[in-house]
Amino acid sequence: MASIRVSDDLYKELNRVAGQLRAERGHPVSMEEVLEHLLKSTRLKLSDFAGAWKMSDEEVEDFMKGLKGFWSRWKYPRD
């Protein structure tokens, strides 16, 4: 079994989440269960961002111009 160090604030937050899980599941939970829950519940997919960025047509045009300029200057790094 490994141990990790966390700040006092983070430990308090982990205990808060443990309390929520304990209430949901109806039994005590370990810190391992808390960390596993947090890791599984925060996985993001590309589709999670669909529609999150609202831009006008002008903003899209400016963004694409900047991106094309960046791509034109980019060179593949050599070893």
N, C-alpha and C. Protein backbone atom coordinates (compact mmCIF):
# COMPACT_ATOMS: atom_id res chain seq x y z
N MET A 1 0.85 -1.17 0.00
CA MET A 1 0.00 0.00 0.00
C MET A 1 0.90 1.23 0.00
N ALA A 2 0.60 2.16 -0.86
CA ALA A 2 1.35 3.41 -0.97
C ALA A 2 0.64 4.50 -0.18
N SER A 3 1.39 5.50 0.20
CA SER A 3 0.77 6.66 0.85
C SER A 3 1.14 7.90 0.06
N ILE A 4 0.26 8.90 0.11
CA ILE A 4 0.51 10.16 -0.59
C ILE A 4 0.28 11.30 0.39
N ARG A 5 0.95 12.41 0.14
CA ARG A 5 0.75 13.60 0.96
C ARG A 5 -0.14 14.57 0.20
N VAL A 6 -1.05 15.17 0.93
CA VAL A 6 -1.92 16.19 0.36
C VAL A 6 -2.01 17.34 1.35
N SER A 7 -2.34 18.52 0.84
CA SER A 7 -2.48 19.69 1.72
C SER A 7 -3.70 19.51 2.61
N ASP A 8 -3.75 20.27 3.68
CA ASP A 8 -4.89 20.22 4.59
C ASP A 8 -6.20 20.56 3.88
N ASP A 9 -6.14 21.56 2.99
CA ASP A 9 -7.35 21.96 2.26
C ASP A 9 -7.85 20.83 1.37
N LEU A 10 -6.92 20.16 0.67
CA LEU A 10 -7.31 19.07 -0.20
C LEU A 10 -7.86 17.91 0.63
N TYR A 11 -7.27 17.64 1.76
CA TYR A 11 -7.75 16.57 2.63
C TYR A 11 -9.18 16.85 3.11
N LYS A 12 -9.44 18.11 3.45
CA LYS A 12 -10.80 18.49 3.87
C LYS A 12 -11.79 18.26 2.72
N GLU A 13 -11.37 18.61 1.50
CA GLU A 13 -12.25 18.42 0.34
C GLU A 13 -12.49 16.93 0.07
N LEU A 14 -11.45 16.12 0.22
CA LEU A 14 -11.61 14.67 0.05
C LEU A 14 -12.58 14.11 1.09
N ASN A 15 -12.49 14.62 2.31
CA ASN A 15 -13.42 14.18 3.36
C ASN A 15 -14.84 14.63 3.06
N ARG A 16 -15.00 15.79 2.46
CA ARG A 16 -16.33 16.27 2.07
C ARG A 16 -16.94 15.32 1.04
N VAL A 17 -16.13 14.95 0.04
CA VAL A 17 -16.60 14.02 -1.00
C VAL A 17 -16.89 12.66 -0.38
N ALA A 18 -16.05 12.23 0.56
CA ALA A 18 -16.29 10.95 1.25
C ALA A 18 -17.64 10.98 1.96
N GLY A 19 -17.96 12.10 2.58
CA GLY A 19 -19.25 12.24 3.25
C GLY A 19 -20.42 12.11 2.28
N GLN A 20 -20.27 12.71 1.11
CA GLN A 20 -21.32 12.61 0.09
C GLN A 20 -21.49 11.17 -0.37
N LEU A 21 -20.36 10.51 -0.64
CA LEU A 21 -20.43 9.11 -1.09
C LEU A 21 -21.03 8.22 0.00
N ARG A 22 -20.63 8.46 1.23
CA ARG A 22 -21.16 7.68 2.35
C ARG A 22 -22.68 7.84 2.42
N ALA A 23 -23.17 9.05 2.23
CA ALA A 23 -24.62 9.30 2.25
C ALA A 23 -25.32 8.60 1.08
N GLU A 24 -24.70 8.64 -0.10
CA GLU A 24 -25.29 8.00 -1.28
C GLU A 24 -25.32 6.49 -1.15
N ARG A 25 -24.20 5.92 -0.69
CA ARG A 25 -24.05 4.47 -0.68
C ARG A 25 -24.55 3.81 0.61
N GLY A 26 -24.68 4.60 1.66
CA GLY A 26 -25.20 4.06 2.91
C GLY A 26 -24.20 3.27 3.73
N HIS A 27 -22.91 3.41 3.44
CA HIS A 27 -21.87 2.74 4.23
C HIS A 27 -20.59 3.56 4.17
N PRO A 28 -19.69 3.37 5.13
CA PRO A 28 -18.43 4.11 5.12
C PRO A 28 -17.62 3.81 3.85
N VAL A 29 -16.89 4.81 3.35
CA VAL A 29 -16.06 4.63 2.17
C VAL A 29 -14.61 4.96 2.51
N SER A 30 -13.70 4.29 1.82
CA SER A 30 -12.27 4.53 2.04
C SER A 30 -11.81 5.68 1.14
N MET A 31 -10.65 6.22 1.46
CA MET A 31 -10.07 7.27 0.61
C MET A 31 -9.79 6.71 -0.79
N GLU A 32 -9.46 5.44 -0.87
CA GLU A 32 -9.24 4.81 -2.17
C GLU A 32 -10.51 4.87 -3.02
N GLU A 33 -11.66 4.60 -2.39
CA GLU A 33 -12.93 4.68 -3.10
C GLU A 33 -13.23 6.12 -3.52
N VAL A 34 -12.89 7.06 -2.66
CA VAL A 34 -13.12 8.48 -2.97
C VAL A 34 -12.29 8.88 -4.19
N LEU A 35 -11.01 8.52 -4.17
CA LEU A 35 -10.13 8.88 -5.29
C LEU A 35 -10.57 8.19 -6.58
N GLU A 36 -10.95 6.92 -6.48
CA GLU A 36 -11.44 6.19 -7.66
C GLU A 36 -12.68 6.86 -8.22
N HIS A 37 -13.60 7.25 -7.34
CA HIS A 37 -14.82 7.93 -7.77
C HIS A 37 -14.49 9.24 -8.49
N LEU A 38 -13.58 10.03 -7.90
CA LEU A 38 -13.21 11.31 -8.51
C LEU A 38 -12.54 11.11 -9.86
N LEU A 39 -11.66 10.13 -9.97
CA LEU A 39 -10.99 9.89 -11.25
C LEU A 39 -11.97 9.44 -12.33
N LYS A 40 -12.91 8.60 -11.97
CA LYS A 40 -13.88 8.12 -12.96
C LYS A 40 -14.91 9.17 -13.33
N SER A 41 -15.29 10.00 -12.36
CA SER A 41 -16.37 10.95 -12.62
C SER A 41 -15.90 12.22 -13.33
N THR A 42 -14.60 12.45 -13.40
CA THR A 42 -14.12 13.68 -14.03
C THR A 42 -13.51 13.45 -15.40
N ARG A 43 -13.65 12.27 -15.94
CA ARG A 43 -13.14 12.03 -17.30
C ARG A 43 -13.99 12.78 -18.29
N LEU A 44 -13.36 13.61 -19.07
CA LEU A 44 -14.09 14.42 -20.05
C LEU A 44 -13.93 13.83 -21.44
N LYS A 45 -14.96 13.98 -22.23
CA LYS A 45 -14.93 13.56 -23.63
C LYS A 45 -15.02 14.83 -24.48
N LEU A 46 -14.58 14.74 -25.70
CA LEU A 46 -14.65 15.88 -26.60
C LEU A 46 -16.09 16.38 -26.73
N SER A 47 -17.04 15.46 -26.73
CA SER A 47 -18.44 15.85 -26.86
C SER A 47 -18.95 16.66 -25.66
N ASP A 48 -18.24 16.60 -24.53
CA ASP A 48 -18.64 17.41 -23.37
C ASP A 48 -18.51 18.91 -23.66
N PHE A 49 -17.71 19.26 -24.64
CA PHE A 49 -17.47 20.66 -24.95
C PHE A 49 -18.33 21.17 -26.11
N ALA A 50 -19.16 20.32 -26.70
CA ALA A 50 -19.98 20.71 -27.83
C ALA A 50 -20.88 21.88 -27.45
N GLY A 51 -20.80 22.96 -28.19
CA GLY A 51 -21.63 24.12 -27.96
C GLY A 51 -21.18 25.02 -26.83
N ALA A 52 -20.05 24.69 -26.22
CA ALA A 52 -19.59 25.46 -25.06
C ALA A 52 -18.92 26.77 -25.48
N TRP A 53 -18.42 26.83 -26.68
CA TRP A 53 -17.69 28.00 -27.12
C TRP A 53 -18.52 28.73 -28.16
N LYS A 54 -19.07 29.85 -27.80
CA LYS A 54 -19.92 30.62 -28.71
C LYS A 54 -19.08 31.72 -29.33
N MET A 55 -19.06 31.77 -30.66
CA MET A 55 -18.27 32.77 -31.38
C MET A 55 -19.09 33.32 -32.53
N SER A 56 -18.82 34.57 -32.83
CA SER A 56 -19.45 35.16 -34.01
C SER A 56 -18.68 34.70 -35.24
N ASP A 57 -19.26 34.91 -36.43
CA ASP A 57 -18.58 34.54 -37.67
C ASP A 57 -17.26 35.30 -37.81
N GLU A 58 -17.25 36.55 -37.39
CA GLU A 58 -16.03 37.36 -37.47
C GLU A 58 -14.94 36.79 -36.55
N GLU A 59 -15.33 36.37 -35.35
CA GLU A 59 -14.37 35.78 -34.42
C GLU A 59 -13.81 34.47 -34.97
N VAL A 60 -14.66 33.67 -35.61
CA VAL A 60 -14.20 32.41 -36.21
C VAL A 60 -13.20 32.72 -37.32
N GLU A 61 -13.49 33.71 -38.13
CA GLU A 61 -12.61 34.09 -39.23
C GLU A 61 -11.24 34.54 -38.70
N ASP A 62 -11.23 35.39 -37.68
CA ASP A 62 -9.98 35.84 -37.07
C ASP A 62 -9.20 34.67 -36.47
N PHE A 63 -9.91 33.77 -35.80
CA PHE A 63 -9.28 32.61 -35.19
C PHE A 63 -8.63 31.74 -36.27
N MET A 64 -9.35 31.47 -37.34
CA MET A 64 -8.82 30.61 -38.40
C MET A 64 -7.62 31.26 -39.10
N LYS A 65 -7.65 32.57 -39.30
CA LYS A 65 -6.50 33.27 -39.89
C LYS A 65 -5.27 33.10 -39.01
N GLY A 66 -5.44 33.29 -37.71
CA GLY A 66 -4.33 33.12 -36.78
C GLY A 66 -3.80 31.70 -36.77
N LEU A 67 -4.70 30.74 -36.81
CA LEU A 67 -4.32 29.34 -36.80
C LEU A 67 -3.56 28.98 -38.09
N LYS A 68 -4.07 29.45 -39.23
CA LYS A 68 -3.38 29.19 -40.49
C LYS A 68 -2.00 29.82 -40.50
N GLY A 69 -1.87 31.01 -39.92
CA GLY A 69 -0.56 31.65 -39.82
C GLY A 69 0.39 30.84 -38.97
N PHE A 70 -0.09 30.31 -37.88
CA PHE A 70 0.73 29.47 -37.02
C PHE A 70 1.15 28.21 -37.76
N TRP A 71 0.21 27.56 -38.43
CA TRP A 71 0.53 26.33 -39.16
C TRP A 71 1.56 26.59 -40.25
N SER A 72 1.50 27.74 -40.90
CA SER A 72 2.44 28.02 -42.00
C SER A 72 3.87 28.21 -41.47
N ARG A 73 4.04 28.61 -40.20
CA ARG A 73 5.37 28.83 -39.64
C ARG A 73 5.90 27.60 -38.89
N TRP A 74 5.04 26.64 -38.63
CA TRP A 74 5.44 25.48 -37.84
C TRP A 74 6.33 24.54 -38.62
N LYS A 75 7.38 24.11 -38.00
CA LYS A 75 8.29 23.14 -38.63
C LYS A 75 8.36 21.92 -37.71
N TYR A 76 8.45 20.74 -38.32
CA TYR A 76 8.54 19.52 -37.54
C TYR A 76 9.89 19.49 -36.81
N PRO A 77 9.89 19.28 -35.49
CA PRO A 77 11.16 19.25 -34.76
C PRO A 77 12.05 18.08 -35.19
N ARG A 78 13.32 18.36 -35.32
CA ARG A 78 14.26 17.31 -35.70
C ARG A 78 15.04 16.86 -34.47
N ASP A 79 15.38 15.59 -34.44
CA ASP A 79 16.15 15.05 -33.31
C ASP A 79 17.56 15.57 -33.30
